[in-house]
């Protein structure tokens, strides 16, 4: 489902749940659903400001909550003191690498890890439903000082 498709899905969700469809909500949805980054609420606010969209911080938070409830966005807590949001995109379970220097988040999927978590759960008498893994480290760009470190969008880099 492309950008317009997920925005249409959000509009349908809002209408189905008798919630207002506003320009501000659609602006927030457009930023989050159109991003490949793992955005914080502050990132969303900054990106909206850069686009000249007047959306208050409280509206950003409330809209993110609705996007999560709709299933179009997944909320992530990487232990940084704030939450990040990524479009669900019908993605299978995946893991994250988080650079502790620049804040870049990279995704990966490895079937060996999937099998291992299932085996570990079964060995301890559990039927695995899901798991979550975040590997914290320093990305190659930060270690070597090459290239631009941080998220691809310069406005999202830590200040």
N, C-alpha and C. Protein backbone atom coordinates (compact mmCIF):
# COMPACT_ATOMS: atom_id res chain seq x y z
N UNK A 1 0.85 -1.18 0.00
CA UNK A 1 0.00 0.00 0.00
C UNK A 1 0.89 1.23 0.00
N UNK A 2 0.72 2.09 -0.99
CA UNK A 2 1.54 3.28 -1.12
C UNK A 2 1.10 4.39 -0.19
N UNK A 3 1.77 5.57 -0.31
CA UNK A 3 1.49 6.70 0.56
C UNK A 3 0.04 7.12 0.56
N UNK A 4 -0.55 7.26 -0.64
CA UNK A 4 -1.96 7.66 -0.72
C UNK A 4 -2.85 6.57 -0.14
N UNK A 5 -2.49 5.31 -0.37
CA UNK A 5 -3.28 4.19 0.14
C UNK A 5 -3.34 4.16 1.65
N UNK A 6 -2.19 4.39 2.31
CA UNK A 6 -2.20 4.37 3.77
C UNK A 6 -2.89 5.60 4.33
N UNK A 7 -2.76 6.73 3.66
CA UNK A 7 -3.49 7.91 4.11
C UNK A 7 -4.99 7.68 3.96
N UNK A 8 -5.40 7.06 2.86
CA UNK A 8 -6.81 6.71 2.68
C UNK A 8 -7.27 5.74 3.77
N UNK A 9 -6.40 4.80 4.13
CA UNK A 9 -6.74 3.85 5.20
C UNK A 9 -6.91 4.58 6.53
N UNK A 10 -6.10 5.61 6.76
CA UNK A 10 -6.22 6.39 8.00
C UNK A 10 -7.54 7.16 8.01
N UNK A 11 -7.88 7.77 6.88
CA UNK A 11 -9.16 8.49 6.78
C UNK A 11 -10.31 7.52 7.04
N UNK A 12 -10.25 6.34 6.45
CA UNK A 12 -11.31 5.33 6.65
C UNK A 12 -11.40 4.94 8.12
N UNK A 13 -10.24 4.78 8.78
CA UNK A 13 -10.22 4.43 10.20
C UNK A 13 -10.88 5.53 11.03
N UNK A 14 -10.51 6.78 10.75
CA UNK A 14 -11.09 7.90 11.50
C UNK A 14 -12.61 7.94 11.34
N UNK A 15 -13.07 7.80 10.11
CA UNK A 15 -14.52 7.84 9.87
C UNK A 15 -15.23 6.67 10.54
N UNK A 16 -14.63 5.50 10.44
CA UNK A 16 -15.22 4.29 11.05
C UNK A 16 -15.36 4.44 12.56
N UNK A 17 -14.44 5.19 13.17
CA UNK A 17 -14.45 5.39 14.62
C UNK A 17 -15.01 6.75 15.02
N UNK A 18 -15.74 7.36 14.10
CA UNK A 18 -16.41 8.65 14.36
C UNK A 18 -15.47 9.71 14.92
N UNK A 19 -14.28 9.79 14.34
CA UNK A 19 -13.31 10.79 14.74
C UNK A 19 -13.15 11.80 13.61
N UNK A 20 -12.87 13.04 13.96
CA UNK A 20 -12.75 14.06 12.92
C UNK A 20 -11.56 13.83 11.99
N UNK A 21 -11.78 14.06 10.72
CA UNK A 21 -10.71 14.03 9.72
C UNK A 21 -10.31 15.48 9.52
N UNK A 22 -9.14 15.85 10.04
CA UNK A 22 -8.69 17.24 9.96
C UNK A 22 -7.41 17.34 9.14
N UNK A 23 -7.15 18.52 8.65
CA UNK A 23 -5.91 18.76 7.92
C UNK A 23 -4.69 18.50 8.77
N UNK A 24 -4.77 18.84 10.06
CA UNK A 24 -3.64 18.62 10.95
C UNK A 24 -3.36 17.13 11.13
N UNK A 25 -4.41 16.35 11.34
CA UNK A 25 -4.22 14.90 11.49
C UNK A 25 -3.63 14.30 10.21
N UNK A 26 -4.13 14.75 9.07
CA UNK A 26 -3.63 14.23 7.80
C UNK A 26 -2.18 14.65 7.57
N UNK A 27 -1.81 15.85 8.02
CA UNK A 27 -0.42 16.30 7.89
C UNK A 27 0.51 15.42 8.72
N UNK A 28 0.10 15.13 9.97
CA UNK A 28 0.90 14.25 10.84
C UNK A 28 1.01 12.87 10.20
N UNK A 29 -0.12 12.34 9.76
CA UNK A 29 -0.13 11.01 9.13
C UNK A 29 0.77 10.99 7.90
N UNK A 30 0.72 12.05 7.10
CA UNK A 30 1.55 12.12 5.90
C UNK A 30 3.03 12.05 6.22
N UNK A 31 3.45 12.76 7.28
CA UNK A 31 4.86 12.75 7.67
C UNK A 31 5.28 11.36 8.14
N UNK A 32 4.50 10.78 9.04
CA UNK A 32 4.89 9.49 9.64
C UNK A 32 4.78 8.36 8.62
N UNK A 33 3.67 8.31 7.91
CA UNK A 33 3.44 7.20 6.98
C UNK A 33 4.33 7.29 5.74
N UNK A 34 4.83 8.49 5.46
CA UNK A 34 5.71 8.66 4.31
C UNK A 34 7.19 8.58 4.65
N UNK A 35 7.51 8.28 5.90
CA UNK A 35 8.90 8.28 6.34
C UNK A 35 9.49 6.87 6.36
N UNK A 36 10.78 6.80 6.13
CA UNK A 36 11.50 5.54 6.30
C UNK A 36 12.29 5.56 7.61
N UNK A 37 12.23 6.66 8.32
CA UNK A 37 12.92 6.81 9.60
C UNK A 37 12.03 6.34 10.73
N UNK A 38 12.63 6.18 11.90
CA UNK A 38 11.89 5.89 13.13
C UNK A 38 11.77 7.23 13.85
N UNK A 39 10.66 7.90 13.65
CA UNK A 39 10.50 9.28 14.09
C UNK A 39 9.98 9.38 15.52
N UNK A 40 10.49 10.37 16.25
CA UNK A 40 9.91 10.72 17.55
C UNK A 40 8.83 11.77 17.31
N UNK A 41 8.05 12.05 18.33
CA UNK A 41 7.03 13.11 18.21
C UNK A 41 7.71 14.45 17.92
N UNK A 42 8.87 14.69 18.53
CA UNK A 42 9.60 15.93 18.26
C UNK A 42 10.07 15.99 16.81
N UNK A 43 10.51 14.84 16.27
CA UNK A 43 10.90 14.79 14.86
C UNK A 43 9.73 15.17 13.96
N UNK A 44 8.57 14.61 14.27
CA UNK A 44 7.37 14.89 13.47
C UNK A 44 7.05 16.38 13.53
N UNK A 45 7.10 16.95 14.73
CA UNK A 45 6.82 18.38 14.90
C UNK A 45 7.80 19.23 14.09
N UNK A 46 9.09 18.88 14.16
CA UNK A 46 10.12 19.62 13.40
C UNK A 46 9.88 19.54 11.90
N UNK A 47 9.55 18.33 11.43
CA UNK A 47 9.30 18.17 9.99
C UNK A 47 8.07 18.95 9.55
N UNK A 48 7.04 18.95 10.37
CA UNK A 48 5.84 19.73 10.04
C UNK A 48 6.15 21.22 10.02
N UNK A 49 6.93 21.68 11.01
CA UNK A 49 7.33 23.09 11.04
C UNK A 49 8.11 23.45 9.77
N UNK A 50 9.03 22.55 9.36
CA UNK A 50 9.84 22.80 8.16
C UNK A 50 8.97 22.90 6.91
N UNK A 51 7.83 22.22 6.92
CA UNK A 51 6.90 22.26 5.78
C UNK A 51 5.92 23.42 5.89
N UNK A 52 6.02 24.17 6.99
CA UNK A 52 5.12 25.30 7.19
C UNK A 52 3.74 24.90 7.68
N UNK A 53 3.61 23.68 8.19
CA UNK A 53 2.32 23.21 8.71
C UNK A 53 2.21 23.58 10.18
N UNK A 54 1.17 24.29 10.54
CA UNK A 54 0.96 24.71 11.93
C UNK A 54 0.20 23.61 12.67
N UNK A 55 0.96 22.73 13.33
CA UNK A 55 0.35 21.64 14.09
C UNK A 55 0.97 21.66 15.48
N UNK A 56 0.14 21.76 16.50
CA UNK A 56 0.62 21.81 17.87
C UNK A 56 1.16 20.46 18.34
N UNK A 57 2.04 20.53 19.32
CA UNK A 57 2.66 19.32 19.86
C UNK A 57 1.62 18.35 20.40
N UNK A 58 0.61 18.86 21.11
CA UNK A 58 -0.43 17.98 21.66
C UNK A 58 -1.17 17.25 20.55
N UNK A 59 -1.42 17.94 19.45
CA UNK A 59 -2.10 17.31 18.31
C UNK A 59 -1.22 16.22 17.70
N UNK A 60 0.08 16.48 17.63
CA UNK A 60 1.01 15.46 17.11
C UNK A 60 0.92 14.21 17.98
N UNK A 61 1.02 14.37 19.30
CA UNK A 61 0.96 13.21 20.21
C UNK A 61 -0.37 12.47 20.08
N UNK A 62 -1.47 13.21 20.06
CA UNK A 62 -2.79 12.56 19.97
C UNK A 62 -2.94 11.83 18.64
N UNK A 63 -2.45 12.42 17.58
CA UNK A 63 -2.56 11.78 16.26
C UNK A 63 -1.68 10.54 16.19
N UNK A 64 -0.50 10.60 16.78
CA UNK A 64 0.36 9.41 16.81
C UNK A 64 -0.33 8.27 17.55
N UNK A 65 -1.00 8.60 18.64
CA UNK A 65 -1.75 7.59 19.40
C UNK A 65 -2.83 6.95 18.54
N UNK A 66 -3.55 7.76 17.78
CA UNK A 66 -4.60 7.24 16.90
C UNK A 66 -3.99 6.39 15.78
N UNK A 67 -2.87 6.83 15.23
CA UNK A 67 -2.20 6.05 14.18
C UNK A 67 -1.77 4.68 14.70
N UNK A 68 -1.29 4.64 15.94
CA UNK A 68 -0.91 3.35 16.54
C UNK A 68 -2.14 2.47 16.71
N UNK A 69 -3.22 3.04 17.25
CA UNK A 69 -4.46 2.27 17.44
C UNK A 69 -5.00 1.75 16.12
N UNK A 70 -4.79 2.50 15.05
CA UNK A 70 -5.29 2.09 13.73
C UNK A 70 -4.51 0.92 13.16
N UNK A 71 -3.32 0.67 13.70
CA UNK A 71 -2.46 -0.39 13.19
C UNK A 71 -1.58 0.04 12.03
N UNK A 72 -1.68 1.29 11.62
CA UNK A 72 -0.87 1.79 10.51
C UNK A 72 0.55 2.16 10.94
N UNK A 73 0.72 2.40 12.24
CA UNK A 73 2.00 2.82 12.79
C UNK A 73 2.32 1.95 14.01
N UNK A 74 3.60 1.64 14.17
CA UNK A 74 4.07 0.87 15.32
C UNK A 74 4.87 1.80 16.22
N UNK A 75 4.58 1.73 17.51
CA UNK A 75 5.31 2.54 18.49
C UNK A 75 6.49 1.71 19.00
N UNK A 76 7.67 2.33 19.05
CA UNK A 76 8.88 1.65 19.52
C UNK A 76 9.45 2.42 20.71
N UNK A 77 9.91 1.68 21.70
CA UNK A 77 10.59 2.27 22.85
C UNK A 77 11.97 1.64 22.91
N UNK A 78 12.98 2.42 22.54
CA UNK A 78 14.35 1.93 22.52
C UNK A 78 15.10 2.30 23.80
N UNK A 79 14.38 2.73 24.84
CA UNK A 79 15.01 3.06 26.11
C UNK A 79 15.76 4.38 26.09
N UNK A 80 15.38 5.28 25.21
CA UNK A 80 16.05 6.58 25.09
C UNK A 80 15.35 7.69 25.86
N UNK A 81 14.22 7.36 26.49
CA UNK A 81 13.46 8.37 27.20
C UNK A 81 12.34 8.97 26.36
N UNK A 82 12.19 8.50 25.14
CA UNK A 82 11.09 8.93 24.27
C UNK A 82 10.76 7.76 23.34
N UNK A 83 9.61 7.85 22.73
CA UNK A 83 9.17 6.79 21.82
C UNK A 83 9.40 7.22 20.37
N UNK A 84 9.57 6.22 19.55
CA UNK A 84 9.71 6.45 18.11
C UNK A 84 8.58 5.71 17.40
N UNK A 85 8.28 6.16 16.20
CA UNK A 85 7.16 5.61 15.45
C UNK A 85 7.62 5.26 14.04
N UNK A 86 7.13 4.10 13.56
CA UNK A 86 7.44 3.69 12.20
C UNK A 86 6.19 3.13 11.55
N UNK A 87 6.05 3.36 10.24
CA UNK A 87 4.89 2.78 9.55
C UNK A 87 4.95 1.26 9.62
N UNK A 88 3.81 0.62 9.83
CA UNK A 88 3.81 -0.84 9.94
C UNK A 88 4.07 -1.49 8.59
N UNK A 89 3.59 -0.90 7.50
CA UNK A 89 3.86 -1.37 6.13
C UNK A 89 3.68 -2.88 5.96
N UNK A 90 2.90 -3.53 6.82
CA UNK A 90 2.71 -4.96 6.70
C UNK A 90 4.01 -5.73 6.82
N UNK A 91 4.98 -5.12 7.52
CA UNK A 91 6.31 -5.69 7.64
C UNK A 91 6.32 -6.89 8.57
N UNK A 92 7.08 -7.92 8.24
CA UNK A 92 7.22 -9.03 9.18
C UNK A 92 8.04 -8.56 10.38
N UNK A 93 8.07 -9.39 11.40
CA UNK A 93 8.88 -9.06 12.58
C UNK A 93 10.30 -8.75 12.13
N UNK A 94 10.87 -7.72 12.70
CA UNK A 94 12.24 -7.35 12.38
C UNK A 94 12.90 -6.76 13.62
N UNK A 95 14.21 -6.70 13.58
CA UNK A 95 14.99 -6.22 14.72
C UNK A 95 15.58 -4.86 14.38
N UNK A 96 16.16 -4.23 15.40
CA UNK A 96 16.71 -2.89 15.22
C UNK A 96 18.13 -2.80 15.75
N UNK A 97 18.95 -2.03 15.06
CA UNK A 97 20.28 -1.63 15.50
C UNK A 97 20.19 -0.13 15.77
N UNK A 98 20.60 0.31 16.96
CA UNK A 98 20.51 1.72 17.32
C UNK A 98 21.90 2.26 17.61
N UNK A 99 22.31 3.28 16.85
CA UNK A 99 23.60 3.92 17.08
C UNK A 99 23.47 4.86 18.28
N UNK A 100 24.28 4.61 19.30
CA UNK A 100 24.21 5.43 20.51
C UNK A 100 24.92 6.78 20.33
N UNK A 101 25.64 6.94 19.22
CA UNK A 101 26.33 8.21 18.97
C UNK A 101 25.44 9.18 18.20
N UNK A 102 24.80 8.71 17.13
CA UNK A 102 24.04 9.63 16.27
C UNK A 102 22.53 9.38 16.29
N UNK A 103 22.10 8.27 16.87
CA UNK A 103 20.67 7.98 16.96
C UNK A 103 20.08 7.28 15.76
N UNK A 104 20.90 6.94 14.77
CA UNK A 104 20.39 6.23 13.60
C UNK A 104 19.84 4.87 14.02
N UNK A 105 18.71 4.50 13.43
CA UNK A 105 18.13 3.18 13.66
C UNK A 105 18.13 2.45 12.33
N UNK A 106 18.66 1.24 12.35
CA UNK A 106 18.65 0.39 11.15
C UNK A 106 17.87 -0.87 11.46
N UNK A 107 17.16 -1.35 10.47
CA UNK A 107 16.36 -2.56 10.64
C UNK A 107 17.05 -3.74 9.98
N UNK A 108 16.83 -4.93 10.54
CA UNK A 108 17.30 -6.14 9.89
C UNK A 108 16.38 -7.29 10.28
N UNK A 109 16.44 -8.32 9.48
CA UNK A 109 15.67 -9.53 9.74
C UNK A 109 16.58 -10.71 9.46
N UNK A 110 16.58 -11.68 10.37
CA UNK A 110 17.43 -12.85 10.20
C UNK A 110 16.64 -14.07 10.65
N UNK A 111 16.41 -14.99 9.74
CA UNK A 111 15.63 -16.19 10.06
C UNK A 111 16.28 -17.02 11.15
N UNK A 112 17.61 -16.98 11.26
CA UNK A 112 18.29 -17.74 12.33
C UNK A 112 17.84 -17.23 13.69
N UNK A 113 17.71 -15.93 13.82
CA UNK A 113 17.26 -15.34 15.08
C UNK A 113 15.81 -15.74 15.36
N UNK A 114 14.99 -15.74 14.33
CA UNK A 114 13.59 -16.16 14.50
C UNK A 114 13.53 -17.59 15.03
N UNK A 115 14.32 -18.48 14.41
CA UNK A 115 14.33 -19.89 14.86
C UNK A 115 14.85 -19.99 16.29
N UNK A 116 15.91 -19.24 16.60
CA UNK A 116 16.50 -19.32 17.94
C UNK A 116 15.51 -18.86 19.01
N UNK A 117 14.79 -17.79 18.76
CA UNK A 117 13.84 -17.32 19.78
C UNK A 117 12.71 -18.32 19.98
N UNK A 118 12.30 -18.98 18.91
CA UNK A 118 11.27 -20.02 19.04
C UNK A 118 11.80 -21.19 19.85
N UNK A 119 13.02 -21.63 19.55
CA UNK A 119 13.63 -22.74 20.29
C UNK A 119 13.81 -22.40 21.76
N UNK A 120 14.26 -21.18 22.06
CA UNK A 120 14.47 -20.77 23.46
C UNK A 120 13.14 -20.74 24.21
N UNK A 121 12.11 -20.22 23.57
CA UNK A 121 10.79 -20.19 24.21
C UNK A 121 10.32 -21.61 24.49
N UNK A 122 10.42 -22.50 23.51
CA UNK A 122 9.98 -23.88 23.69
C UNK A 122 10.78 -24.59 24.77
N UNK A 123 12.08 -24.34 24.83
CA UNK A 123 12.94 -24.97 25.84
C UNK A 123 12.52 -24.59 27.25
N UNK A 124 11.86 -23.46 27.38
CA UNK A 124 11.42 -22.99 28.70
C UNK A 124 9.91 -23.11 28.87
N UNK A 125 9.29 -23.90 28.00
CA UNK A 125 7.86 -24.17 28.14
C UNK A 125 6.93 -23.08 27.66
N UNK A 126 7.43 -22.22 26.78
CA UNK A 126 6.61 -21.12 26.25
C UNK A 126 6.27 -21.38 24.79
N UNK A 127 5.11 -20.93 24.40
CA UNK A 127 4.75 -20.88 22.98
C UNK A 127 5.00 -19.44 22.54
N UNK A 128 6.05 -19.23 21.77
CA UNK A 128 6.45 -17.88 21.39
C UNK A 128 5.37 -17.19 20.56
N UNK A 129 5.06 -15.97 20.94
CA UNK A 129 4.12 -15.15 20.18
C UNK A 129 4.87 -14.07 19.41
N UNK A 130 5.77 -13.41 20.10
CA UNK A 130 6.55 -12.35 19.48
C UNK A 130 7.77 -12.09 20.35
N UNK A 131 8.69 -11.32 19.84
CA UNK A 131 9.85 -10.90 20.61
C UNK A 131 10.29 -9.53 20.10
N UNK A 132 11.22 -8.96 20.82
CA UNK A 132 11.73 -7.65 20.45
C UNK A 132 13.22 -7.63 20.77
N UNK A 133 14.01 -7.14 19.85
CA UNK A 133 15.45 -7.06 20.06
C UNK A 133 15.96 -5.73 19.52
N UNK A 134 16.71 -5.04 20.35
CA UNK A 134 17.40 -3.82 19.93
C UNK A 134 18.86 -4.02 20.28
N UNK A 135 19.72 -3.88 19.30
CA UNK A 135 21.16 -3.98 19.53
C UNK A 135 21.70 -2.55 19.54
N UNK A 136 22.32 -2.18 20.65
CA UNK A 136 22.88 -0.84 20.80
C UNK A 136 24.36 -0.89 20.47
N UNK A 137 24.84 0.08 19.73
CA UNK A 137 26.24 0.14 19.36
C UNK A 137 26.53 1.44 18.65
N UNK A 138 27.67 1.49 17.98
CA UNK A 138 28.07 2.69 17.23
C UNK A 138 28.19 2.29 15.77
N UNK A 139 27.48 3.01 14.91
CA UNK A 139 27.47 2.69 13.48
C UNK A 139 28.85 2.94 12.86
N UNK A 140 29.04 2.34 11.70
CA UNK A 140 30.32 2.47 11.00
C UNK A 140 30.66 3.92 10.68
N UNK A 141 29.65 4.70 10.28
CA UNK A 141 29.90 6.10 9.94
C UNK A 141 30.43 6.87 11.15
N UNK A 142 29.87 6.63 12.32
CA UNK A 142 30.34 7.33 13.52
C UNK A 142 31.71 6.82 13.96
N UNK A 143 31.94 5.52 13.81
CA UNK A 143 33.24 4.95 14.21
C UNK A 143 34.37 5.46 13.33
N UNK A 144 34.11 5.61 12.04
CA UNK A 144 35.17 6.00 11.12
C UNK A 144 35.18 7.49 10.80
N UNK A 145 34.09 8.19 11.17
CA UNK A 145 34.00 9.61 10.87
C UNK A 145 33.73 9.88 9.40
N UNK A 146 33.36 8.83 8.65
CA UNK A 146 33.09 8.98 7.22
C UNK A 146 31.63 9.29 6.99
N UNK A 147 31.37 10.02 5.92
CA UNK A 147 29.99 10.29 5.52
C UNK A 147 29.24 11.09 6.56
N UNK A 148 27.97 11.24 6.31
CA UNK A 148 27.13 11.98 7.25
C UNK A 148 26.53 10.98 8.22
N UNK A 149 26.78 11.18 9.48
CA UNK A 149 26.19 10.28 10.46
C UNK A 149 24.83 10.81 10.86
N UNK A 150 24.01 9.94 11.35
CA UNK A 150 22.67 10.34 11.79
C UNK A 150 21.64 9.96 10.76
N UNK A 151 20.41 10.21 11.09
CA UNK A 151 19.33 9.88 10.17
C UNK A 151 19.52 10.56 8.82
N UNK A 152 18.99 9.94 7.78
CA UNK A 152 19.13 10.46 6.42
C UNK A 152 18.62 11.89 6.30
N UNK A 153 17.55 12.21 7.01
CA UNK A 153 16.99 13.56 6.98
C UNK A 153 17.77 14.41 7.99
N UNK A 154 18.54 15.42 7.54
CA UNK A 154 19.36 16.22 8.45
C UNK A 154 18.58 16.88 9.57
N UNK A 155 17.31 17.18 9.36
CA UNK A 155 16.54 17.84 10.41
C UNK A 155 16.24 16.90 11.58
N UNK A 156 16.51 15.60 11.40
CA UNK A 156 16.24 14.64 12.47
C UNK A 156 17.47 14.32 13.30
N UNK A 157 18.61 14.83 12.90
CA UNK A 157 19.83 14.51 13.64
C UNK A 157 19.82 15.20 15.00
N UNK A 158 20.39 14.53 16.03
CA UNK A 158 20.43 15.15 17.36
C UNK A 158 21.16 16.48 17.30
N UNK A 159 20.68 17.42 18.10
CA UNK A 159 21.30 18.76 18.12
C UNK A 159 22.13 18.93 19.34
